[in-house]
């Protein structure tokens, strides 16, 4: 939303509903992957999206084949923004912010069994 007395700021072209459709679902996919969106709500969202024939996902199959990269990228971007905001405000991260940072830590860890 706009800062006090400021204009709206769009982060990227996807905010306008154009671009690669998977990016339109990156935020809810990120929230689900970080544990911020309960599994039941995520499944309900996916069913509704597919029923409406949304363009980002195939009618059936694993949605993560399409959503993995956008969700990871948005998770990192959002976590960085939250860390910056918290640091500037001189406060610790809240629970939701911490969940995104924790997800980044998990993504950065090498897969199990890799030397």
C-alpha atoms as a PDB file:
ATOM      1  CA  UNK A   1       0.000   0.000   0.000  1.00  0.00           C
ATOM      2  CA  UNK A   2       1.159   3.558  -0.424  1.00  0.00           C
ATOM      3  CA  UNK A   3       3.290   5.186   2.217  1.00  0.00           C
ATOM      4  CA  UNK A   4       1.523   8.010   4.016  1.00  0.00           C
ATOM      5  CA  UNK A   5       0.580  10.550   1.349  1.00  0.00           C
ATOM      6  CA  UNK A   6       2.531   8.577  -1.273  1.00  0.00           C
ATOM      7  CA  UNK A   7       1.708   6.849  -4.534  1.00  0.00           C
ATOM      8  CA  UNK A   8       1.184   3.133  -5.005  1.00  0.00           C
ATOM      9  CA  UNK A   9       4.382   1.322  -5.892  1.00  0.00           C
ATOM     10  CA  UNK A  10       4.188  -1.803  -8.000  1.00  0.00           C
ATOM     11  CA  UNK A  11       7.057  -4.179  -7.334  1.00  0.00           C
ATOM     12  CA  UNK A  12       7.007  -5.842 -10.729  1.00  0.00           C
ATOM     13  CA  UNK A  13       5.008  -6.295 -13.903  1.00  0.00           C
ATOM     14  CA  UNK A  14       3.286  -9.343 -12.418  1.00  0.00           C
ATOM     15  CA  UNK A  15       1.360  -6.977 -10.148  1.00  0.00           C
ATOM     16  CA  UNK A  16      -0.426  -5.847 -13.310  1.00  0.00           C
ATOM     17  CA  UNK A  17      -1.537  -9.382 -14.204  1.00  0.00           C
ATOM     18  CA  UNK A  18       0.823  -9.726 -17.147  1.00  0.00           C
ATOM     19  CA  UNK A  19       3.936 -11.825 -17.483  1.00  0.00           C
ATOM     20  CA  UNK A  20       4.480 -15.485 -16.670  1.00  0.00           C
ATOM     21  CA  UNK A  21       1.284 -16.691 -14.919  1.00  0.00           C
ATOM     22  CA  UNK A  22       3.166 -18.825 -12.366  1.00  0.00           C
ATOM     23  CA  UNK A  23       4.432 -15.631 -10.760  1.00  0.00           C
ATOM     24  CA  UNK A  24       0.833 -14.658  -9.974  1.00  0.00           C
ATOM     25  CA  UNK A  25       0.752 -17.669  -7.638  1.00  0.00           C
ATOM     26  CA  UNK A  26       4.243 -17.208  -6.191  1.00  0.00           C
ATOM     27  CA  UNK A  27       3.089 -15.409  -3.047  1.00  0.00           C
ATOM     28  CA  UNK A  28       0.493 -17.961  -1.880  1.00  0.00           C
ATOM     29  CA  UNK A  29       2.850 -20.782  -2.884  1.00  0.00           C
ATOM     30  CA  UNK A  30       5.597 -19.178  -0.811  1.00  0.00           C
ATOM     31  CA  UNK A  31       3.279 -18.726   2.165  1.00  0.00           C
ATOM     32  CA  UNK A  32       2.252 -22.376   1.967  1.00  0.00           C
ATOM     33  CA  UNK A  33       5.855 -23.577   1.671  1.00  0.00           C
ATOM     34  CA  UNK A  34       6.835 -21.438   4.674  1.00  0.00           C
ATOM     35  CA  UNK A  35       3.980 -22.755   6.798  1.00  0.00           C
ATOM     36  CA  UNK A  36       2.052 -19.477   6.797  1.00  0.00           C
ATOM     37  CA  UNK A  37      -0.856 -20.823   4.733  1.00  0.00           C
ATOM     38  CA  UNK A  38      -2.458 -23.991   6.124  1.00  0.00           C
ATOM     39  CA  UNK A  39      -2.489 -27.057   3.871  1.00  0.00           C
ATOM     40  CA  UNK A  40      -6.290 -27.166   3.684  1.00  0.00           C
ATOM     41  CA  UNK A  41      -6.515 -23.572   2.503  1.00  0.00           C
ATOM     42  CA  UNK A  42      -3.721 -24.143  -0.026  1.00  0.00           C
ATOM     43  CA  UNK A  43      -5.501 -27.204  -1.431  1.00  0.00           C
ATOM     44  CA  UNK A  44      -8.794 -25.306  -1.595  1.00  0.00           C
ATOM     45  CA  UNK A  45      -7.044 -22.462  -3.419  1.00  0.00           C
ATOM     46  CA  UNK A  46      -5.460 -24.869  -5.928  1.00  0.00           C
ATOM     47  CA  UNK A  47      -8.789 -26.610  -6.565  1.00  0.00           C
ATOM     48  CA  UNK A  48     -10.560 -23.293  -7.143  1.00  0.00           C
ATOM     49  CA  UNK A  49      -7.761 -22.033  -9.388  1.00  0.00           C
ATOM     50  CA  UNK A  50      -7.809 -25.181 -11.482  1.00  0.00           C
ATOM     51  CA  UNK A  51     -11.612 -25.259 -11.615  1.00  0.00           C
ATOM     52  CA  UNK A  52     -11.520 -21.701 -12.964  1.00  0.00           C
ATOM     53  CA  UNK A  53      -8.954 -22.900 -15.516  1.00  0.00           C
ATOM     54  CA  UNK A  54      -6.279 -20.519 -14.310  1.00  0.00           C
ATOM     55  CA  UNK A  55      -3.438 -20.309 -16.815  1.00  0.00           C
ATOM     56  CA  UNK A  56      -0.495 -20.974 -14.491  1.00  0.00           C
ATOM     57  CA  UNK A  57      -1.161 -24.608 -13.636  1.00  0.00           C
ATOM     58  CA  UNK A  58      -2.034 -27.726 -15.584  1.00  0.00           C
ATOM     59  CA  UNK A  59      -5.476 -29.150 -14.767  1.00  0.00           C
ATOM     60  CA  UNK A  60      -3.838 -32.041 -12.892  1.00  0.00           C
ATOM     61  CA  UNK A  61      -0.464 -32.994 -11.524  1.00  0.00           C
ATOM     62  CA  UNK A  62       2.130 -31.541  -9.228  1.00  0.00           C
ATOM     63  CA  UNK A  63       1.831 -27.735  -9.056  1.00  0.00           C
ATOM     64  CA  UNK A  64       5.405 -27.433  -7.794  1.00  0.00           C
ATOM     65  CA  UNK A  65       6.823 -28.285 -11.202  1.00  0.00           C
ATOM     66  CA  UNK A  66       5.560 -24.814 -12.183  1.00  0.00           C
ATOM     67  CA  UNK A  67       5.609 -22.968  -8.851  1.00  0.00           C
ATOM     68  CA  UNK A  68       8.911 -24.004  -7.263  1.00  0.00           C
ATOM     69  CA  UNK A  69      11.194 -21.371  -8.804  1.00  0.00           C
ATOM     70  CA  UNK A  70       8.796 -18.407  -8.481  1.00  0.00           C
ATOM     71  CA  UNK A  71       7.895 -19.368  -4.899  1.00  0.00           C
ATOM     72  CA  UNK A  72      11.548 -19.690  -3.891  1.00  0.00           C
ATOM     73  CA  UNK A  73      12.478 -16.396  -5.526  1.00  0.00           C
ATOM     74  CA  UNK A  74       9.622 -14.537  -3.873  1.00  0.00           C
ATOM     75  CA  UNK A  75      10.447 -16.123  -0.515  1.00  0.00           C
ATOM     76  CA  UNK A  76      14.008 -14.793  -0.711  1.00  0.00           C
ATOM     77  CA  UNK A  77      12.874 -11.352  -1.899  1.00  0.00           C
ATOM     78  CA  UNK A  78      10.239 -11.068   0.822  1.00  0.00           C
ATOM     79  CA  UNK A  79      12.564 -12.301   3.564  1.00  0.00           C
ATOM     80  CA  UNK A  80      15.196  -9.748   2.551  1.00  0.00           C
ATOM     81  CA  UNK A  81      12.613  -6.997   2.652  1.00  0.00           C
ATOM     82  CA  UNK A  82      11.378  -8.098   6.096  1.00  0.00           C
ATOM     83  CA  UNK A  83      14.918  -8.271   7.501  1.00  0.00           C
ATOM     84  CA  UNK A  84      15.639  -4.773   6.183  1.00  0.00           C
ATOM     85  CA  UNK A  85      12.401  -3.340   7.596  1.00  0.00           C
ATOM     86  CA  UNK A  86      12.969  -4.943  10.997  1.00  0.00           C
ATOM     87  CA  UNK A  87      16.570  -3.715  11.138  1.00  0.00           C
ATOM     88  CA  UNK A  88      15.557  -0.176  10.195  1.00  0.00           C
ATOM     89  CA  UNK A  89      12.842  -0.234  12.858  1.00  0.00           C
ATOM     90  CA  UNK A  90      15.262  -1.669  15.439  1.00  0.00           C
ATOM     91  CA  UNK A  91      13.003  -4.596  16.219  1.00  0.00           C
ATOM     92  CA  UNK A  92      13.264  -8.375  16.040  1.00  0.00           C
ATOM     93  CA  UNK A  93      11.537 -10.314  13.300  1.00  0.00           C
ATOM     94  CA  UNK A  94       7.963 -11.333  14.028  1.00  0.00           C
ATOM     95  CA  UNK A  95       6.760 -14.922  13.638  1.00  0.00           C
ATOM     96  CA  UNK A  96       5.755 -14.621   9.963  1.00  0.00           C
ATOM     97  CA  UNK A  97       8.975 -12.820   9.058  1.00  0.00           C
ATOM     98  CA  UNK A  98      11.006 -15.455  10.865  1.00  0.00           C
ATOM     99  CA  UNK A  99       9.189 -18.202   8.929  1.00  0.00           C
ATOM    100  CA  UNK A 100      10.358 -16.693   5.637  1.00  0.00           C
ATOM    101  CA  UNK A 101      13.947 -16.323   6.856  1.00  0.00           C
ATOM    102  CA  UNK A 102      13.890 -19.918   8.132  1.00  0.00           C
ATOM    103  CA  UNK A 103      12.678 -21.075   4.712  1.00  0.00           C
ATOM    104  CA  UNK A 104      15.639 -19.295   3.097  1.00  0.00           C
ATOM    105  CA  UNK A 105      17.959 -21.099   5.489  1.00  0.00           C
ATOM    106  CA  UNK A 106      16.430 -24.446   4.506  1.00  0.00           C
ATOM    107  CA  UNK A 107      16.716 -23.613   0.792  1.00  0.00           C
ATOM    108  CA  UNK A 108      20.387 -22.677   1.193  1.00  0.00           C
ATOM    109  CA  UNK A 109      21.301 -25.921   2.945  1.00  0.00           C
ATOM    110  CA  UNK A 110      22.905 -28.569   0.723  1.00  0.00           C
ATOM    111  CA  UNK A 111      20.769 -31.645   0.082  1.00  0.00           C
ATOM    112  CA  UNK A 112      21.267 -34.495   2.527  1.00  0.00           C
ATOM    113  CA  UNK A 113      24.159 -36.740   1.538  1.00  0.00           C
ATOM    114  CA  UNK A 114      25.951 -34.150  -0.602  1.00  0.00           C
ATOM    115  CA  UNK A 115      29.575 -33.682   0.516  1.00  0.00           C
END
